[in-house]
Structure formats: C-alpha cells, structure tokens
Amino acid sequence: MESPLLKTGEAARYLNVSRGLLYLWRYKGVGPNWIKISSDIKRRACVRYRLEDLEQWLAGNIQQPESAP
C-alpha cells in the first residue's frame, strides 16, 4: 500500500512543528524528504510529504542520552 501524501499543514501537525519550520527546513535542505508536485515555475509549488518519509526521518533523529563518565 502506498504511503498517504500529506499537505504541509498536515505534516506539521503530525510532527508537532509549525508550517514555517517545515518551510525553513526545505529551504535549508534539512528535515524530512518532500515531494514537489507542480513543475510550472511560474506557479507556487505543490508540496507533499509521504507519511513513511516523516516516520523514517523521525526514527533517524532519535538521540540517545550520553553515558555519564
């Protein structure tokens, strides 16, 4: 089964971050993978996030506490 495509607001809610932060991550080239649907340069891009990409990104960012010396 294909992973559902989420709009930016839906992805932001899933990650519990703001839409602006997702935009900033896209601009800086960090954060979860995203899909650009629109190929027309004059039009605003239609951006979507696959749920599986969000889950993989979260799993890859799990931090372990440092051990005390």
PDB file of N, CA and C in Angstrom:
ATOM      1  N   MET A   1       0.848  -1.188   0.000  1.00  0.00           N
ATOM      2  CA  MET A   1       0.000   0.000   0.000  1.00  0.00           C
ATOM      3  C   MET A   1       0.890   1.247   0.000  1.00  0.00           C
ATOM      4  N   GLU A   2       0.526   2.205  -0.823  1.00  0.00           N
ATOM      5  CA  GLU A   2       1.266   3.466  -0.925  1.00  0.00           C
ATOM      6  C   GLU A   2       1.074   4.293   0.346  1.00  0.00           C
ATOM      7  N   SER A   3       2.113   5.031   0.697  1.00  0.00           N
ATOM      8  CA  SER A   3       2.034   5.933   1.828  1.00  0.00           C
ATOM      9  C   SER A   3       1.182   7.140   1.451  1.00  0.00           C
ATOM     10  N   PRO A   4       0.289   7.586   2.337  1.00  0.00           N
ATOM     11  CA  PRO A   4      -0.530   8.755   2.009  1.00  0.00           C
ATOM     12  C   PRO A   4       0.316  10.014   1.863  1.00  0.00           C
ATOM     13  N   LEU A   5      -0.138  10.916   0.997  1.00  0.00           N
ATOM     14  CA  LEU A   5       0.539  12.200   0.803  1.00  0.00           C
ATOM     15  C   LEU A   5      -0.131  13.235   1.704  1.00  0.00           C
ATOM     16  N   LEU A   6       0.686  13.892   2.510  1.00  0.00           N
ATOM     17  CA  LEU A   6       0.176  14.894   3.435  1.00  0.00           C
ATOM     18  C   LEU A   6       0.537  16.289   2.954  1.00  0.00           C
ATOM     19  N   LYS A   7      -0.383  17.223   3.116  1.00  0.00           N
ATOM     20  CA  LYS A   7      -0.094  18.631   2.853  1.00  0.00           C
ATOM     21  C   LYS A   7       0.842  19.138   3.937  1.00  0.00           C
ATOM     22  N   THR A   8       1.435  20.298   3.708  1.00  0.00           N
ATOM     23  CA  THR A   8       2.402  20.848   4.654  1.00  0.00           C
ATOM     24  C   THR A   8       1.798  21.006   6.046  1.00  0.00           C
ATOM     25  N   GLY A   9       0.590  21.523   6.132  1.00  0.00           N
ATOM     26  CA  GLY A   9      -0.060  21.695   7.434  1.00  0.00           C
ATOM     27  C   GLY A   9      -0.299  20.373   8.140  1.00  0.00           C
ATOM     28  N   GLU A  10      -0.676  19.358   7.384  1.00  0.00           N
ATOM     29  CA  GLU A  10      -0.907  18.035   7.972  1.00  0.00           C
ATOM     30  C   GLU A  10       0.404  17.430   8.469  1.00  0.00           C
ATOM     31  N   ALA A  11       1.466  17.586   7.671  1.00  0.00           N
ATOM     32  CA  ALA A  11       2.781  17.078   8.074  1.00  0.00           C
ATOM     33  C   ALA A  11       3.270  17.819   9.318  1.00  0.00           C
ATOM     34  N   ALA A  12       3.041  19.119   9.363  1.00  0.00           N
ATOM     35  CA  ALA A  12       3.450  19.915  10.525  1.00  0.00           C
ATOM     36  C   ALA A  12       2.720  19.440  11.782  1.00  0.00           C
ATOM     37  N   ARG A  13       1.430  19.194  11.658  1.00  0.00           N
ATOM     38  CA  ARG A  13       0.668  18.697  12.806  1.00  0.00           C
ATOM     39  C   ARG A  13       1.173  17.323  13.241  1.00  0.00           C
ATOM     40  N   TYR A  14       1.486  16.458  12.279  1.00  0.00           N
ATOM     41  CA  TYR A  14       1.994  15.120  12.599  1.00  0.00           C
ATOM     42  C   TYR A  14       3.315  15.213  13.365  1.00  0.00           C
ATOM     43  N   LEU A  15       4.184  16.130  12.963  1.00  0.00           N
ATOM     44  CA  LEU A  15       5.483  16.304  13.608  1.00  0.00           C
ATOM     45  C   LEU A  15       5.426  17.232  14.823  1.00  0.00           C
ATOM     46  N   ASN A  16       4.291  17.887  15.012  1.00  0.00           N
ATOM     47  CA  ASN A  16       4.100  18.853  16.101  1.00  0.00           C
ATOM     48  C   ASN A  16       5.075  20.028  15.981  1.00  0.00           C
ATOM     49  N   VAL A  17       5.196  20.543  14.756  1.00  0.00           N
ATOM     50  CA  VAL A  17       6.008  21.728  14.476  1.00  0.00           C
ATOM     51  C   VAL A  17       5.162  22.681  13.638  1.00  0.00           C
ATOM     52  N   SER A  18       5.655  23.882  13.415  1.00  0.00           N
ATOM     53  CA  SER A  18       4.911  24.856  12.621  1.00  0.00           C
ATOM     54  C   SER A  18       5.139  24.616  11.123  1.00  0.00           C
ATOM     55  N   ARG A  19       4.209  25.115  10.327  1.00  0.00           N
ATOM     56  CA  ARG A  19       4.373  25.056   8.863  1.00  0.00           C
ATOM     57  C   ARG A  19       5.608  25.847   8.457  1.00  0.00           C
ATOM     58  N   GLY A  20       5.847  26.963   9.136  1.00  0.00           N
ATOM     59  CA  GLY A  20       7.016  27.789   8.841  1.00  0.00           C
ATOM     60  C   GLY A  20       8.320  27.037   9.053  1.00  0.00           C
ATOM     61  N   LEU A  21       8.358  26.201  10.085  1.00  0.00           N
ATOM     62  CA  LEU A  21       9.572  25.426  10.331  1.00  0.00           C
ATOM     63  C   LEU A  21       9.793  24.411   9.208  1.00  0.00           C
ATOM     64  N   LEU A  22       8.733  23.784   8.720  1.00  0.00           N
ATOM     65  CA  LEU A  22       8.877  22.867   7.584  1.00  0.00           C
ATOM     66  C   LEU A  22       9.383  23.618   6.354  1.00  0.00           C
ATOM     67  N   TYR A  23       8.859  24.818   6.123  1.00  0.00           N
ATOM     68  CA  TYR A  23       9.342  25.638   5.006  1.00  0.00           C
ATOM     69  C   TYR A  23      10.832  25.942   5.177  1.00  0.00           C
ATOM     70  N   LEU A  24      11.234  26.327   6.377  1.00  0.00           N
ATOM     71  CA  LEU A  24      12.639  26.639   6.648  1.00  0.00           C
ATOM     72  C   LEU A  24      13.518  25.415   6.414  1.00  0.00           C
ATOM     73  N   TRP A  25      13.076  24.258   6.884  1.00  0.00           N
ATOM     74  CA  TRP A  25      13.839  23.029   6.659  1.00  0.00           C
ATOM     75  C   TRP A  25      13.989  22.741   5.163  1.00  0.00           C
ATOM     76  N   ARG A  26      12.918  22.933   4.391  1.00  0.00           N
ATOM     77  CA  ARG A  26      13.008  22.722   2.933  1.00  0.00           C
ATOM     78  C   ARG A  26      14.011  23.689   2.327  1.00  0.00           C
ATOM     79  N   TYR A  27      13.946  24.954   2.728  1.00  0.00           N
ATOM     80  CA  TYR A  27      14.835  25.985   2.210  1.00  0.00           C
ATOM     81  C   TYR A  27      16.297  25.657   2.500  1.00  0.00           C
ATOM     82  N   LYS A  28      16.560  25.162   3.726  1.00  0.00           N
ATOM     83  CA  LYS A  28      17.924  24.846   4.136  1.00  0.00           C
ATOM     84  C   LYS A  28      18.381  23.464   3.675  1.00  0.00           C
ATOM     85  N   GLY A  29      17.462  22.667   3.156  1.00  0.00           N
ATOM     86  CA  GLY A  29      17.824  21.332   2.698  1.00  0.00           C
ATOM     87  C   GLY A  29      17.989  20.324   3.824  1.00  0.00           C
ATOM     88  N   VAL A  30      17.301  20.561   4.926  1.00  0.00           N
ATOM     89  CA  VAL A  30      17.316  19.622   6.050  1.00  0.00           C
ATOM     90  C   VAL A  30      15.870  19.191   6.308  1.00  0.00           C
ATOM     91  N   GLY A  31      15.671  18.314   7.256  1.00  0.00           N
ATOM     92  CA  GLY A  31      14.318  17.873   7.566  1.00  0.00           C
ATOM     93  C   GLY A  31      13.911  16.692   6.717  1.00  0.00           C
ATOM     94  N   PRO A  32      12.636  16.319   6.812  1.00  0.00           N
ATOM     95  CA  PRO A  32      12.164  15.134   6.094  1.00  0.00           C
ATOM     96  C   PRO A  32      12.111  15.366   4.580  1.00  0.00           C
ATOM     97  N   ASN A  33      12.181  14.254   3.838  1.00  0.00           N
ATOM     98  CA  ASN A  33      12.026  14.334   2.384  1.00  0.00           C
ATOM     99  C   ASN A  33      10.642  14.867   2.051  1.00  0.00           C
ATOM    100  N   TRP A  34      10.536  15.541   0.910  1.00  0.00           N
ATOM    101  CA  TRP A  34       9.263  16.089   0.467  1.00  0.00           C
ATOM    102  C   TRP A  34       9.166  15.927  -1.043  1.00  0.00           C
ATOM    103  N   ILE A  35       7.962  16.061  -1.550  1.00  0.00           N
ATOM    104  CA  ILE A  35       7.684  15.878  -2.975  1.00  0.00           C
ATOM    105  C   ILE A  35       7.136  17.178  -3.542  1.00  0.00           C
ATOM    106  N   LYS A  36       7.710  17.611  -4.656  1.00  0.00           N
ATOM    107  CA  LYS A  36       7.202  18.789  -5.371  1.00  0.00           C
ATOM    108  C   LYS A  36       6.317  18.270  -6.499  1.00  0.00           C
ATOM    109  N   ILE A  37       5.045  18.580  -6.440  1.00  0.00           N
ATOM    110  CA  ILE A  37       4.086  18.084  -7.415  1.00  0.00           C
ATOM    111  C   ILE A  37       4.071  18.958  -8.667  1.00  0.00           C
ATOM    112  N   SER A  38       4.055  20.277  -8.495  1.00  0.00           N
ATOM    113  CA  SER A  38       3.947  21.208  -9.621  1.00  0.00           C
ATOM    114  C   SER A  38       5.294  21.383 -10.304  1.00  0.00           C
ATOM    115  N   SER A  39       5.295  21.383 -11.625  1.00  0.00           N
ATOM    116  CA  SER A  39       6.541  21.601 -12.360  1.00  0.00           C
ATOM    117  C   SER A  39       6.542  22.957 -13.066  1.00  0.00           C
ATOM    118  N   ASP A  40       5.481  23.729 -12.907  1.00  0.00           N
ATOM    119  CA  ASP A  40       5.372  25.041 -13.526  1.00  0.00           C
ATOM    120  C   ASP A  40       6.087  26.069 -12.651  1.00  0.00           C
ATOM    121  N   ILE A  41       7.175  26.653 -13.158  1.00  0.00           N
ATOM    122  CA  ILE A  41       7.990  27.593 -12.387  1.00  0.00           C
ATOM    123  C   ILE A  41       7.190  28.827 -11.975  1.00  0.00           C
ATOM    124  N   LYS A  42       6.273  29.281 -12.799  1.00  0.00           N
ATOM    125  CA  LYS A  42       5.519  30.498 -12.507  1.00  0.00           C
ATOM    126  C   LYS A  42       4.497  30.294 -11.405  1.00  0.00           C
ATOM    127  N   ARG A  43       4.133  29.054 -11.163  1.00  0.00           N
ATOM    128  CA  ARG A  43       3.139  28.774 -10.132  1.00  0.00           C
ATOM    129  C   ARG A  43       3.814  28.299  -8.864  1.00  0.00           C
ATOM    130  N   ARG A  44       3.165  28.531  -7.778  1.00  0.00           N
ATOM    131  CA  ARG A  44       3.670  28.073  -6.492  1.00  0.00           C
ATOM    132  C   ARG A  44       3.703  26.538  -6.475  1.00  0.00           C
ATOM    133  N   ALA A  45       4.758  25.995  -5.974  1.00  0.00           N
ATOM    134  CA  ALA A  45       4.909  24.543  -5.943  1.00  0.00           C
ATOM    135  C   ALA A  45       3.887  23.908  -5.004  1.00  0.00           C
ATOM    136  N   CYS A  46       3.399  22.774  -5.411  1.00  0.00           N
ATOM    137  CA  CYS A  46       2.512  21.974  -4.589  1.00  0.00           C
ATOM    138  C   CYS A  46       3.399  20.955  -3.876  1.00  0.00           C
ATOM    139  N   VAL A  47       3.574  21.102  -2.580  1.00  0.00           N
ATOM    140  CA  VAL A  47       4.477  20.256  -1.799  1.00  0.00           C
ATOM    141  C   VAL A  47       3.660  19.254  -0.995  1.00  0.00           C
ATOM    142  N   ARG A  48       4.125  18.015  -1.008  1.00  0.00           N
ATOM    143  CA  ARG A  48       3.500  16.961  -0.221  1.00  0.00           C
ATOM    144  C   ARG A  48       4.571  16.162   0.497  1.00  0.00           C
ATOM    145  N   TYR A  49       4.185  15.550   1.588  1.00  0.00           N
ATOM    146  CA  TYR A  49       5.063  14.705   2.386  1.00  0.00           C
ATOM    147  C   TYR A  49       4.447  13.311   2.467  1.00  0.00           C
ATOM    148  N   ARG A  50       5.275  12.269   2.256  1.00  0.00           N
ATOM    149  CA  ARG A  50       4.796  10.909   2.447  1.00  0.00           C
ATOM    150  C   ARG A  50       4.922  10.570   3.926  1.00  0.00           C
ATOM    151  N   LEU A  51       3.895   9.937   4.468  1.00  0.00           N
ATOM    152  CA  LEU A  51       3.894   9.567   5.871  1.00  0.00           C
ATOM    153  C   LEU A  51       5.108   8.703   6.197  1.00  0.00           C
ATOM    154  N   GLU A  52       5.467   7.779   5.324  1.00  0.00           N
ATOM    155  CA  GLU A  52       6.626   6.911   5.592  1.00  0.00           C
ATOM    156  C   GLU A  52       7.923   7.713   5.661  1.00  0.00           C
ATOM    157  N   ASP A  53       8.039   8.784   4.876  1.00  0.00           N
ATOM    158  CA  ASP A  53       9.234   9.633   4.940  1.00  0.00           C
ATOM    159  C   ASP A  53       9.314  10.374   6.276  1.00  0.00           C
ATOM    160  N   LEU A  54       8.166  10.835   6.760  1.00  0.00           N
ATOM    161  CA  LEU A  54       8.145  11.518   8.059  1.00  0.00           C
ATOM    162  C   LEU A  54       8.555  10.550   9.172  1.00  0.00           C
ATOM    163  N   GLU A  55       8.040   9.324   9.113  1.00  0.00           N
ATOM    164  CA  GLU A  55       8.367   8.334  10.134  1.00  0.00           C
ATOM    165  C   GLU A  55       9.840   7.943  10.079  1.00  0.00           C
ATOM    166  N   GLN A  56      10.389   7.778   8.877  1.00  0.00           N
ATOM    167  CA  GLN A  56      11.808   7.444   8.735  1.00  0.00           C
ATOM    168  C   GLN A  56      12.682   8.582   9.249  1.00  0.00           C
ATOM    169  N   TRP A  57      12.312   9.804   8.934  1.00  0.00           N
ATOM    170  CA  TRP A  57      13.080  10.959   9.387  1.00  0.00           C
ATOM    171  C   TRP A  57      13.084  11.038  10.915  1.00  0.00           C
ATOM    172  N   LEU A  58      11.913  10.823  11.520  1.00  0.00           N
ATOM    173  CA  LEU A  58      11.829  10.831  12.979  1.00  0.00           C
ATOM    174  C   LEU A  58      12.709   9.731  13.572  1.00  0.00           C
ATOM    175  N   ALA A  59      12.635   8.531  13.018  1.00  0.00           N
ATOM    176  CA  ALA A  59      13.427   7.409  13.525  1.00  0.00           C
ATOM    177  C   ALA A  59      14.921   7.692  13.402  1.00  0.00           C
ATOM    178  N   GLY A  60      15.328   8.393  12.353  1.00  0.00           N
ATOM    179  CA  GLY A  60      16.732   8.705  12.151  1.00  0.00           C
ATOM    180  C   GLY A  60      17.244   9.820  13.042  1.00  0.00           C
ATOM    181  N   ASN A  61      16.339  10.477  13.760  1.00  0.00           N
ATOM    182  CA  ASN A  61      16.733  11.584  14.625  1.00  0.00           C
ATOM    183  C   ASN A  61      16.591  11.275  16.106  1.00  0.00           C
ATOM    184  N   ILE A  62      16.427  10.001  16.435  1.00  0.00           N
ATOM    185  CA  ILE A  62      16.344   9.619  17.842  1.00  0.00           C
ATOM    186  C   ILE A  62      17.720   9.793  18.471  1.00  0.00           C
ATOM    187  N   GLN A  63      17.742  10.497  19.573  1.00  0.00           N
ATOM    188  CA  GLN A  63      19.001  10.765  20.278  1.00  0.00           C
ATOM    189  C   GLN A  63      19.073   9.914  21.535  1.00  0.00           C
ATOM    190  N   GLN A  64      20.215   9.312  21.754  1.00  0.00           N
ATOM    191  CA  GLN A  64      20.454   8.536  22.962  1.00  0.00           C
ATOM    192  C   GLN A  64      21.133   9.437  23.994  1.00  0.00           C
ATOM    193  N   PRO A  65      20.730   9.332  25.238  1.00  0.00           N
ATOM    194  CA  PRO A  65      21.417  10.132  26.262  1.00  0.00           C
ATOM    195  C   PRO A  65      22.879   9.690  26.376  1.00  0.00           C
ATOM    196  N   GLU A  66      23.730  10.644  26.598  1.00  0.00           N
ATOM    197  CA  GLU A  66      25.146  10.331  26.758  1.00  0.00           C
ATOM    198  C   GLU A  66      25.368   9.658  28.114  1.00  0.00           C
ATOM    199  N   SER A  67      26.231   8.673  28.125  1.00  0.00           N
ATOM    200  CA  SER A  67      26.543   7.978  29.371  1.00  0.00           C
ATOM    201  C   SER A  67      27.401   8.868  30.262  1.00  0.00           C
ATOM    202  N   ALA A  68      27.140   8.787  31.538  1.00  0.00           N
ATOM    203  CA  ALA A  68      27.962   9.545  32.496  1.00  0.00           C
ATOM    204  C   ALA A  68      29.327   8.880  32.600  1.00  0.00           C
ATOM    205  N   PRO A  69      30.416   9.665  32.647  1.00  0.00           N
ATOM    206  CA  PRO A  69      31.754   9.062  32.720  1.00  0.00           C
ATOM    207  C   PRO A  69      32.008   8.338  34.024  1.00  0.00           C
TER     208      PRO A  69
END
